[in-house]
Amino acid sequence: MKNLVIAEKPSVAKSLADALGAKTRRDGSYEGNGYVISWCVGHLLGLAEPQAYDEKFTKWRYEDLPIAPQSWKYTPAASTKKQLKILVDLMKRKDITTTTN
């Protein structure tokens, strides 16, 4: 069983990996000594565009404002989509028992 540690950024993940003895470098993570250490990069998610809630918001009208949904939707940022997928896949692994950030 392994512990997943999610760091703020790659340099912090590297420091944690060195301190915890996670010496194996993988794509988007370090692994070893009972730990898997990964990181975030920038904003992994952003707020969905208004049309994600209702097609009528594709073109904004003054009468529709403010647009304040009951529950907010999020979309992956294009520049960080790969790292988000890595994190999601790590969190789904059967051998991961705890997650820490």
PDB file of N, CA and C in Angstrom:
ATOM      1  N   MET A   1       0.829  -1.176   0.000  1.00  0.00           N
ATOM      2  CA  MET A   1       0.000   0.000   0.000  1.00  0.00           C
ATOM      3  C   MET A   1       0.880   1.249   0.000  1.00  0.00           C
ATOM      4  N   LYS A   2       0.417   2.270  -0.717  1.00  0.00           N
ATOM      5  CA  LYS A   2       1.229   3.466  -0.885  1.00  0.00           C
ATOM      6  C   LYS A   2       0.452   4.723  -0.522  1.00  0.00           C
ATOM      7  N   ASN A   3       1.206   5.738  -0.158  1.00  0.00           N
ATOM      8  CA  ASN A   3       0.657   7.052   0.154  1.00  0.00           C
ATOM      9  C   ASN A   3       0.903   7.972  -1.031  1.00  0.00           C
ATOM     10  N   LEU A   4      -0.146   8.643  -1.495  1.00  0.00           N
ATOM     11  CA  LEU A   4      -0.016   9.632  -2.562  1.00  0.00           C
ATOM     12  C   LEU A   4       0.121  11.005  -1.922  1.00  0.00           C
ATOM     13  N   VAL A   5       1.193  11.703  -2.276  1.00  0.00           N
ATOM     14  CA  VAL A   5       1.435  13.063  -1.794  1.00  0.00           C
ATOM     15  C   VAL A   5       1.358  13.979  -3.010  1.00  0.00           C
ATOM     16  N   ILE A   6       0.503  14.997  -2.925  1.00  0.00           N
ATOM     17  CA  ILE A   6       0.352  15.948  -4.027  1.00  0.00           C
ATOM     18  C   ILE A   6       0.941  17.283  -3.591  1.00  0.00           C
ATOM     19  N   ALA A   7       1.979  17.697  -4.293  1.00  0.00           N
ATOM     20  CA  ALA A   7       2.668  18.949  -3.982  1.00  0.00           C
ATOM     21  C   ALA A   7       2.128  20.085  -4.843  1.00  0.00           C
ATOM     22  N   GLU A   8       2.464  21.290  -4.425  1.00  0.00           N
ATOM     23  CA  GLU A   8       2.005  22.488  -5.134  1.00  0.00           C
ATOM     24  C   GLU A   8       2.617  22.615  -6.531  1.00  0.00           C
ATOM     25  N   LYS A   9       3.887  22.245  -6.646  1.00  0.00           N
ATOM     26  CA  LYS A   9       4.589  22.407  -7.917  1.00  0.00           C
ATOM     27  C   LYS A   9       5.715  21.382  -8.007  1.00  0.00           C
ATOM     28  N   PRO A  10       6.272  21.194  -9.203  1.00  0.00           N
ATOM     29  CA  PRO A  10       7.285  20.155  -9.400  1.00  0.00           C
ATOM     30  C   PRO A  10       8.502  20.258  -8.480  1.00  0.00           C
ATOM     31  N   SER A  11       8.991  21.457  -8.226  1.00  0.00           N
ATOM     32  CA  SER A  11      10.184  21.595  -7.387  1.00  0.00           C
ATOM     33  C   SER A  11       9.921  21.141  -5.951  1.00  0.00           C
ATOM     34  N   VAL A  12       8.732  21.405  -5.440  1.00  0.00           N
ATOM     35  CA  VAL A  12       8.373  20.943  -4.094  1.00  0.00           C
ATOM     36  C   VAL A  12       8.237  19.427  -4.086  1.00  0.00           C
ATOM     37  N   ALA A  13       7.653  18.864  -5.146  1.00  0.00           N
ATOM     38  CA  ALA A  13       7.533  17.410  -5.254  1.00  0.00           C
ATOM     39  C   ALA A  13       8.908  16.759  -5.259  1.00  0.00           C
ATOM     40  N   LYS A  14       9.866  17.337  -5.962  1.00  0.00           N
ATOM     41  CA  LYS A  14      11.226  16.797  -6.012  1.00  0.00           C
ATOM     42  C   LYS A  14      11.857  16.821  -4.630  1.00  0.00           C
ATOM     43  N   SER A  15      11.695  17.915  -3.901  1.00  0.00           N
ATOM     44  CA  SER A  15      12.240  18.011  -2.548  1.00  0.00           C
ATOM     45  C   SER A  15      11.614  16.961  -1.628  1.00  0.00           C
ATOM     46  N   LEU A  16      10.288  16.788  -1.733  1.00  0.00           N
ATOM     47  CA  LEU A  16       9.605  15.769  -0.927  1.00  0.00           C
ATOM     48  C   LEU A  16      10.073  14.370  -1.307  1.00  0.00           C
ATOM     49  N   ALA A  17      10.223  14.123  -2.600  1.00  0.00           N
ATOM     50  CA  ALA A  17      10.680  12.814  -3.064  1.00  0.00           C
ATOM     51  C   ALA A  17      12.073  12.504  -2.510  1.00  0.00           C
ATOM     52  N   ASP A  18      12.951  13.493  -2.535  1.00  0.00           N
ATOM     53  CA  ASP A  18      14.296  13.303  -1.989  1.00  0.00           C
ATOM     54  C   ASP A  18      14.243  13.005  -0.494  1.00  0.00           C
ATOM     55  N   ALA A  19      13.420  13.748   0.228  1.00  0.00           N
ATOM     56  CA  ALA A  19      13.323  13.570   1.679  1.00  0.00           C
ATOM     57  C   ALA A  19      12.674  12.240   2.062  1.00  0.00           C
ATOM     58  N   LEU A  20      11.717  11.772   1.256  1.00  0.00           N
ATOM     59  CA  LEU A  20      10.972  10.552   1.579  1.00  0.00           C
ATOM     60  C   LEU A  20      11.554   9.296   0.920  1.00  0.00           C
ATOM     61  N   GLY A  21      12.577   9.469   0.108  1.00  0.00           N
ATOM     62  CA  GLY A  21      13.219   8.319  -0.523  1.00  0.00           C
ATOM     63  C   GLY A  21      12.474   7.762  -1.724  1.00  0.00           C
ATOM     64  N   ALA A  22      11.683   8.587  -2.381  1.00  0.00           N
ATOM     65  CA  ALA A  22      10.982   8.165  -3.600  1.00  0.00           C
ATOM     66  C   ALA A  22      11.905   8.463  -4.774  1.00  0.00           C
ATOM     67  N   LYS A  23      12.702   7.479  -5.157  1.00  0.00           N
ATOM     68  CA  LYS A  23      13.780   7.711  -6.111  1.00  0.00           C
ATOM     69  C   LYS A  23      13.430   7.428  -7.568  1.00  0.00           C
ATOM     70  N   THR A  24      12.334   6.691  -7.829  1.00  0.00           N
ATOM     71  CA  THR A  24      11.980   6.343  -9.205  1.00  0.00           C
ATOM     72  C   THR A  24      11.173   7.470  -9.836  1.00  0.00           C
ATOM     73  N   ARG A  25      11.703   8.025 -10.933  1.00  0.00           N
ATOM     74  CA  ARG A  25      11.021   9.119 -11.632  1.00  0.00           C
ATOM     75  C   ARG A  25      10.095   8.528 -12.687  1.00  0.00           C
ATOM     76  N   ARG A  26       8.850   8.924 -12.661  1.00  0.00           N
ATOM     77  CA  ARG A  26       7.877   8.505 -13.661  1.00  0.00           C
ATOM     78  C   ARG A  26       7.354   9.765 -14.358  1.00  0.00           C
ATOM     79  N   ASP A  27       6.503   9.579 -15.369  1.00  0.00           N
ATOM     80  CA  ASP A  27       5.916  10.715 -16.067  1.00  0.00           C
ATOM     81  C   ASP A  27       4.910  11.401 -15.141  1.00  0.00           C
ATOM     82  N   GLY A  28       5.281  12.527 -14.570  1.00  0.00           N
ATOM     83  CA  GLY A  28       4.378  13.279 -13.710  1.00  0.00           C
ATOM     84  C   GLY A  28       4.413  12.892 -12.249  1.00  0.00           C
ATOM     85  N   SER A  29       5.372  12.044 -11.846  1.00  0.00           N
ATOM     86  CA  SER A  29       5.438  11.649 -10.433  1.00  0.00           C
ATOM     87  C   SER A  29       6.783  11.023 -10.098  1.00  0.00           C
ATOM     88  N   TYR A  30       6.997  10.852  -8.791  1.00  0.00           N
ATOM     89  CA  TYR A  30       8.123  10.092  -8.254  1.00  0.00           C
ATOM     90  C   TYR A  30       7.523   8.965  -7.437  1.00  0.00           C
ATOM     91  N   GLU A  31       8.245   7.845  -7.336  1.00  0.00           N
ATOM     92  CA  GLU A  31       7.696   6.719  -6.596  1.00  0.00           C
ATOM     93  C   GLU A  31       8.812   5.973  -5.888  1.00  0.00           C
ATOM     94  N   GLY A  32       8.485   5.475  -4.696  1.00  0.00           N
ATOM     95  CA  GLY A  32       9.430   4.660  -3.945  1.00  0.00           C
ATOM     96  C   GLY A  32       9.223   4.799  -2.452  1.00  0.00           C
ATOM     97  N   ASN A  33       9.695   3.810  -1.719  1.00  0.00           N
ATOM     98  CA  ASN A  33       9.673   3.829  -0.255  1.00  0.00           C
ATOM     99  C   ASN A  33       8.256   4.000   0.303  1.00  0.00           C
ATOM    100  N   GLY A  34       7.256   3.469  -0.400  1.00  0.00           N
ATOM    101  CA  GLY A  34       5.873   3.540   0.066  1.00  0.00           C
ATOM    102  C   GLY A  34       5.144   4.817  -0.314  1.00  0.00           C
ATOM    103  N   TYR A  35       5.762   5.636  -1.155  1.00  0.00           N
ATOM    104  CA  TYR A  35       5.166   6.916  -1.543  1.00  0.00           C
ATOM    105  C   TYR A  35       5.075   7.057  -3.059  1.00  0.00           C
ATOM    106  N   VAL A  36       4.049   7.750  -3.485  1.00  0.00           N
ATOM    107  CA  VAL A  36       3.941   8.267  -4.845  1.00  0.00           C
ATOM    108  C   VAL A  36       3.767   9.770  -4.671  1.00  0.00           C
ATOM    109  N   ILE A  37       4.645  10.532  -5.276  1.00  0.00           N
ATOM    110  CA  ILE A  37       4.621  11.987  -5.098  1.00  0.00           C
ATOM    111  C   ILE A  37       4.410  12.637  -6.459  1.00  0.00           C
ATOM    112  N   SER A  38       3.377  13.445  -6.561  1.00  0.00           N
ATOM    113  CA  SER A  38       3.064  14.149  -7.797  1.00  0.00           C
ATOM    114  C   SER A  38       2.834  15.621  -7.472  1.00  0.00           C
ATOM    115  N   TRP A  39       2.400  16.374  -8.461  1.00  0.00           N
ATOM    116  CA  TRP A  39       2.292  17.823  -8.269  1.00  0.00           C
ATOM    117  C   TRP A  39       1.227  18.434  -9.169  1.00  0.00           C
ATOM    118  N   CYS A  40       0.850  19.628  -8.783  1.00  0.00           N
ATOM    119  CA  CYS A  40      -0.039  20.458  -9.603  1.00  0.00           C
ATOM    120  C   CYS A  40       0.845  21.391 -10.431  1.00  0.00           C
ATOM    121  N   VAL A  41       0.303  21.941 -11.458  1.00  0.00           N
ATOM    122  CA  VAL A  41       0.996  22.953 -12.262  1.00  0.00           C
ATOM    123  C   VAL A  41      -0.024  24.030 -12.607  1.00  0.00           C
ATOM    124  N   GLY A  42       0.149  25.193 -12.042  1.00  0.00           N
ATOM    125  CA  GLY A  42      -0.807  26.264 -12.316  1.00  0.00           C
ATOM    126  C   GLY A  42      -2.208  25.890 -11.863  1.00  0.00           C
ATOM    127  N   HIS A  43      -3.192  26.372 -12.570  1.00  0.00           N
ATOM    128  CA  HIS A  43      -4.583  26.066 -12.262  1.00  0.00           C
ATOM    129  C   HIS A  43      -4.998  24.855 -13.081  1.00  0.00           C
ATOM    130  N   LEU A  44      -5.269  23.736 -12.412  1.00  0.00           N
ATOM    131  CA  LEU A  44      -5.652  22.515 -13.116  1.00  0.00           C
ATOM    132  C   LEU A  44      -7.065  22.612 -13.684  1.00  0.00           C
ATOM    133  N   LEU A  45      -7.925  23.345 -13.003  1.00  0.00           N
ATOM    134  CA  LEU A  45      -9.319  23.506 -13.423  1.00  0.00           C
ATOM    135  C   LEU A  45      -9.674  24.982 -13.448  1.00  0.00           C
ATOM    136  N   GLY A  46     -10.628  25.312 -14.290  1.00  0.00           N
ATOM    137  CA  GLY A  46     -11.165  26.668 -14.338  1.00  0.00           C
ATOM    138  C   GLY A  46     -12.677  26.604 -14.356  1.00  0.00           C
ATOM    139  N   LEU A  47     -13.305  27.712 -14.120  1.00  0.00           N
ATOM    140  CA  LEU A  47     -14.766  27.752 -14.167  1.00  0.00           C
ATOM    141  C   LEU A  47     -15.247  27.540 -15.598  1.00  0.00           C
ATOM    142  N   ALA A  48     -16.305  26.781 -15.741  1.00  0.00           N
ATOM    143  CA  ALA A  48     -16.887  26.533 -17.064  1.00  0.00           C
ATOM    144  C   ALA A  48     -17.463  27.822 -17.627  1.00  0.00           C
ATOM    145  N   GLU A  49     -17.490  27.899 -18.933  1.00  0.00           N
ATOM    146  CA  GLU A  49     -18.082  29.054 -19.611  1.00  0.00           C
ATOM    147  C   GLU A  49     -19.599  29.049 -19.388  1.00  0.00           C
ATOM    148  N   PRO A  50     -20.240  30.202 -19.453  1.00  0.00           N
ATOM    149  CA  PRO A  50     -21.685  30.279 -19.192  1.00  0.00           C
ATOM    150  C   PRO A  50     -22.535  29.332 -20.041  1.00  0.00           C
ATOM    151  N   GLN A  51     -22.168  29.112 -21.305  1.00  0.00           N
ATOM    152  CA  GLN A  51     -22.980  28.237 -22.161  1.00  0.00           C
ATOM    153  C   GLN A  51     -22.952  26.777 -21.701  1.00  0.00           C
ATOM    154  N   ALA A  52     -22.036  26.422 -20.805  1.00  0.00           N
ATOM    155  CA  ALA A  52     -22.030  25.063 -20.247  1.00  0.00           C
ATOM    156  C   ALA A  52     -23.237  24.841 -19.334  1.00  0.00           C
ATOM    157  N   TYR A  53     -23.818  25.925 -18.858  1.00  0.00           N
ATOM    158  CA  TYR A  53     -24.996  25.840 -17.993  1.00  0.00           C
ATOM    159  C   TYR A  53     -26.286  25.874 -18.801  1.00  0.00           C
ATOM    160  N   ASP A  54     -26.288  26.696 -19.844  1.00  0.00           N
ATOM    161  CA  ASP A  54     -27.478  26.837 -20.683  1.00  0.00           C
ATOM    162  C   ASP A  54     -27.048  27.468 -22.010  1.00  0.00           C
ATOM    163  N   GLU A  55     -27.516  26.904 -23.113  1.00  0.00           N
ATOM    164  CA  GLU A  55     -27.149  27.404 -24.443  1.00  0.00           C
ATOM    165  C   GLU A  55     -27.543  28.865 -24.650  1.00  0.00           C
ATOM    166  N   LYS A  56     -28.552  29.329 -23.918  1.00  0.00           N
ATOM    167  CA  LYS A  56     -28.967  30.723 -24.100  1.00  0.00           C
ATOM    168  C   LYS A  56     -27.879  31.704 -23.653  1.00  0.00           C
ATOM    169  N   PHE A  57     -26.913  31.226 -22.878  1.00  0.00           N
ATOM    170  CA  PHE A  57     -25.833  32.097 -22.420  1.00  0.00           C
ATOM    171  C   PHE A  57     -24.677  32.173 -23.416  1.00  0.00           C
ATOM    172  N   THR A  58     -24.814  31.531 -24.577  1.00  0.00           N
ATOM    173  CA  THR A  58     -23.768  31.617 -25.597  1.00  0.00           C
ATOM    174  C   THR A  58     -23.562  33.075 -25.997  1.00  0.00           C
ATOM    175  N   LYS A  59     -24.660  33.781 -26.150  1.00  0.00           N
ATOM    176  CA  LYS A  59     -24.599  35.223 -26.390  1.00  0.00           C
ATOM    177  C   LYS A  59     -25.240  35.889 -25.172  1.00  0.00           C
ATOM    178  N   TRP A  60     -24.446  36.662 -24.475  1.00  0.00           N
ATOM    179  CA  TRP A  60     -24.920  37.286 -23.250  1.00  0.00           C
ATOM    180  C   TRP A  60     -25.927  38.382 -23.545  1.00  0.00           C
ATOM    181  N   ARG A  61     -26.936  38.441 -22.673  1.00  0.00           N
ATOM    182  CA  ARG A  61     -27.906  39.534 -22.724  1.00  0.00           C
ATOM    183  C   ARG A  61     -27.974  40.150 -21.333  1.00  0.00           C
ATOM    184  N   TYR A  62     -28.179  41.404 -21.286  1.00  0.00           N
ATOM    185  CA  TYR A  62     -28.254  42.124 -20.016  1.00  0.00           C
ATOM    186  C   TYR A  62     -29.301  41.493 -19.093  1.00  0.00           C
ATOM    187  N   GLU A  63     -30.399  41.041 -19.668  1.00  0.00           N
ATOM    188  CA  GLU A  63     -31.492  40.465 -18.870  1.00  0.00           C
ATOM    189  C   GLU A  63     -31.081  39.162 -18.164  1.00  0.00           C
ATOM    190  N   ASP A  64     -30.064  38.470 -18.689  1.00  0.00           N
ATOM    191  CA  ASP A  64     -29.617  37.200 -18.108  1.00  0.00           C
ATOM    192  C   ASP A  64     -28.631  37.378 -16.956  1.00  0.00           C
ATOM    193  N   LEU A  65     -28.140  38.575 -16.766  1.00  0.00           N
ATOM    194  CA  LEU A  65     -27.136  38.821 -15.725  1.00  0.00           C
ATOM    195  C   LEU A  65     -27.778  39.116 -14.386  1.00  0.00           C
ATOM    196  N   PRO A  66     -27.203  38.728 -13.289  1.00  0.00           N
ATOM    197  CA  PRO A  66     -25.960  37.956 -13.193  1.00  0.00           C
ATOM    198  C   PRO A  66     -26.215  36.471 -13.441  1.00  0.00           C
ATOM    199  N   ILE A  67     -25.216  35.789 -13.955  1.00  0.00           N
ATOM    200  CA  ILE A  67     -25.284  34.348 -14.141  1.00  0.00           C
ATOM    201  C   ILE A  67     -24.671  33.728 -12.886  1.00  0.00           C
ATOM    202  N   ALA A  68     -25.496  33.190 -12.039  1.00  0.00           N
ATOM    203  CA  ALA A  68     -25.041  32.628 -10.761  1.00  0.00           C
ATOM    204  C   ALA A  68     -25.680  31.251 -10.566  1.00  0.00           C
ATOM    205  N   PRO A  69     -25.050  30.205 -11.067  1.00  0.00           N
ATOM    206  CA  PRO A  69     -25.636  28.864 -10.976  1.00  0.00           C
ATOM    207  C   PRO A  69     -25.706  28.340  -9.540  1.00  0.00           C
ATOM    208  N   GLN A  70     -26.591  27.391  -9.313  1.00  0.00           N
ATOM    209  CA  GLN A  70     -26.712  26.758  -7.995  1.00  0.00           C
ATOM    210  C   GLN A  70     -25.457  25.959  -7.655  1.00  0.00           C
ATOM    211  N   SER A  71     -24.918  25.236  -8.628  1.00  0.00           N
ATOM    212  CA  SER A  71     -23.649  24.530  -8.429  1.00  0.00           C
ATOM    213  C   SER A  71     -22.745  24.842  -9.616  1.00  0.00           C
ATOM    214  N   TRP A  72     -21.502  25.092  -9.320  1.00  0.00           N
ATOM    215  CA  TRP A  72     -20.549  25.515 -10.336  1.00  0.00           C
ATOM    216  C   TRP A  72     -19.973  24.322 -11.076  1.00  0.00           C
ATOM    217  N   LYS A  73     -19.700  24.510 -12.365  1.00  0.00           N
ATOM    218  CA  LYS A  73     -19.059  23.495 -13.191  1.00  0.00           C
ATOM    219  C   LYS A  73     -17.626  23.938 -13.454  1.00  0.00           C
ATOM    220  N   TYR A  74     -16.773  22.952 -13.608  1.00  0.00           N
ATOM    221  CA  TYR A  74     -15.358  23.220 -13.846  1.00  0.00           C
ATOM    222  C   TYR A  74     -14.897  22.497 -15.102  1.00  0.00           C
ATOM    223  N   THR A  75     -13.906  23.060 -15.771  1.00  0.00           N
ATOM    224  CA  THR A  75     -13.329  22.431 -16.950  1.00  0.00           C
ATOM    225  C   THR A  75     -11.809  22.401 -16.793  1.00  0.00           C
ATOM    226  N   PRO A  76     -11.179  21.377 -17.330  1.00  0.00           N
ATOM    227  CA  PRO A  76      -9.710  21.316 -17.257  1.00  0.00           C
ATOM    228  C   PRO A  76      -9.090  22.447 -18.071  1.00  0.00           C
ATOM    229  N   ALA A  77      -8.041  23.016 -17.545  1.00  0.00           N
ATOM    230  CA  ALA A  77      -7.287  24.020 -18.305  1.00  0.00           C
ATOM    231  C   ALA A  77      -6.500  23.297 -19.390  1.00  0.00           C
ATOM    232  N   ALA A  78      -6.490  23.828 -20.583  1.00  0.00           N
ATOM    233  CA  ALA A  78      -5.820  23.175 -21.711  1.00  0.00           C
ATOM    234  C   ALA A  78      -4.334  22.940 -21.431  1.00  0.00           C
ATOM    235  N   SER A  79      -3.686  23.891 -20.794  1.00  0.00           N
ATOM    236  CA  SER A  79      -2.241  23.801 -20.565  1.00  0.00           C
ATOM    237  C   SER A  79      -1.862  22.796 -19.473  1.00  0.00           C
ATOM    238  N   THR A  80      -2.815  22.389 -18.648  1.00  0.00           N
ATOM    239  CA  THR A  80      -2.493  21.487 -17.537  1.00  0.00           C
ATOM    240  C   THR A  80      -3.265  20.167 -17.609  1.00  0.00           C
ATOM    241  N   LYS A  81      -3.916  19.920 -18.728  1.00  0.00           N
ATOM    242  CA  LYS A  81      -4.762  18.729 -18.878  1.00  0.00           C
ATOM    243  C   LYS A  81      -3.985  17.431 -18.654  1.00  0.00           C
ATOM    244  N   LYS A  82      -2.766  17.372 -19.147  1.00  0.00           N
ATOM    245  CA  LYS A  82      -1.954  16.149 -19.002  1.00  0.00           C
ATOM    246  C   LYS A  82      -1.676  15.855 -17.529  1.00  0.00           C
ATOM    247  N   GLN A  83      -1.256  16.859 -16.761  1.00  0.00           N
ATOM    248  CA  GLN A  83      -0.949  16.629 -15.347  1.00  0.00           C
ATOM    249  C   GLN A  83      -2.212  16.316 -14.553  1.00  0.00           C
ATOM    250  N   LEU A  84      -3.330  16.915 -14.904  1.00  0.00           N
ATOM    251  CA  LEU A  84      -4.597  16.596 -14.248  1.00  0.00           C
ATOM    252  C   LEU A  84      -4.938  15.125 -14.457  1.00  0.00           C
ATOM    253  N   LYS A  85      -4.760  14.625 -15.674  1.00  0.00           N
ATOM    254  CA  LYS A  85      -5.032  13.211 -15.956  1.00  0.00           C
ATOM    255  C   LYS A  85      -4.110  12.309 -15.141  1.00  0.00           C
ATOM    256  N   ILE A  86      -2.846  12.684 -15.042  1.00  0.00           N
ATOM    257  CA  ILE A  86      -1.904  11.909 -14.235  1.00  0.00           C
ATOM    258  C   ILE A  86      -2.383  11.840 -12.787  1.00  0.00           C
ATOM    259  N   LEU A  87      -2.788  12.975 -12.222  1.00  0.00           N
ATOM    260  CA  LEU A  87      -3.268  13.004 -10.832  1.00  0.00           C
ATOM    261  C   LEU A  87      -4.521  12.149 -10.649  1.00  0.00           C
ATOM    262  N   VAL A  88      -5.465  12.270 -11.565  1.00  0.00           N
ATOM    263  CA  VAL A  88      -6.699  11.480 -11.470  1.00  0.00           C
ATOM    264  C   VAL A  88      -6.373   9.991 -11.542  1.00  0.00           C
ATOM    265  N   ASP A  89      -5.502   9.611 -12.476  1.00  0.00           N
ATOM    266  CA  ASP A  89      -5.119   8.205 -12.599  1.00  0.00           C
ATOM    267  C   ASP A  89      -4.418   7.703 -11.341  1.00  0.00           C
ATOM    268  N   LEU A  90      -3.554   8.529 -10.750  1.00  0.00           N
ATOM    269  CA  LEU A  90      -2.878   8.132  -9.514  1.00  0.00           C
ATOM    270  C   LEU A  90      -3.885   7.936  -8.379  1.00  0.00           C
ATOM    271  N   MET A  91      -4.855   8.830  -8.277  1.00  0.00           N
ATOM    272  CA  MET A  91      -5.848   8.725  -7.201  1.00  0.00           C
ATOM    273  C   MET A  91      -6.731   7.494  -7.351  1.00  0.00           C
ATOM    274  N   LYS A  92      -6.863   6.978  -8.576  1.00  0.00           N
ATOM    275  CA  LYS A  92      -7.685   5.792  -8.822  1.00  0.00           C
ATOM    276  C   LYS A  92      -6.924   4.484  -8.638  1.00  0.00           C
ATOM    277  N   ARG A  93      -5.613   4.559  -8.472  1.00  0.00           N
ATOM    278  CA  ARG A  93      -4.822   3.331  -8.340  1.00  0.00           C
ATOM    279  C   ARG A  93      -5.249   2.535  -7.111  1.00  0.00           C
ATOM    280  N   LYS A  94      -5.319   1.240  -7.263  1.00  0.00           N
ATOM    281  CA  LYS A  94      -5.755   0.334  -6.176  1.00  0.00           C
ATOM    282  C   LYS A  94      -4.744   0.292  -5.027  1.00  0.00           C
ATOM    283  N   ASP A  95      -3.465   0.532  -5.327  1.00  0.00           N
ATOM    284  CA  ASP A  95      -2.447   0.440  -4.277  1.00  0.00           C
ATOM    285  C   ASP A  95      -2.281   1.733  -3.483  1.00  0.00           C
ATOM    286  N   ILE A  96      -2.981   2.792  -3.862  1.00  0.00           N
ATOM    287  CA  ILE A  96      -2.946   4.056  -3.112  1.00  0.00           C
ATOM    288  C   ILE A  96      -3.981   3.982  -1.991  1.00  0.00           C
ATOM    289  N   THR A  97      -3.509   4.107  -0.748  1.00  0.00           N
ATOM    290  CA  THR A  97      -4.429   4.009   0.391  1.00  0.00           C
ATOM    291  C   THR A  97      -4.744   5.353   1.016  1.00  0.00           C
ATOM    292  N   THR A  98      -3.823   6.308   0.913  1.00  0.00           N
ATOM    293  CA  THR A  98      -4.068   7.645   1.475  1.00  0.00           C
ATOM    294  C   THR A  98      -3.561   8.696   0.499  1.00  0.00           C
ATOM    295  N   THR A  99      -4.179   9.869   0.585  1.00  0.00           N
ATOM    296  CA  THR A  99      -3.760  10.998  -0.237  1.00  0.00           C
ATOM    297  C   THR A  99      -3.526  12.192   0.681  1.00  0.00           C
ATOM    298  N   THR A 100      -2.388  12.859   0.495  1.00  0.00           N
ATOM    299  CA  THR A 100      -2.028  14.007   1.305  1.00  0.00           C
ATOM    300  C   THR A 100      -1.598  15.128   0.374  1.00  0.00           C
ATOM    301  N   ASN A 101      -1.935  16.364   0.755  1.00  0.00           N
ATOM    302  CA  ASN A 101      -1.423  17.495  -0.020  1.00  0.00           C
ATOM    303  C   ASN A 101      -0.750  18.463   0.891  1.00  0.00           C
TER     304      ASN A 101
END
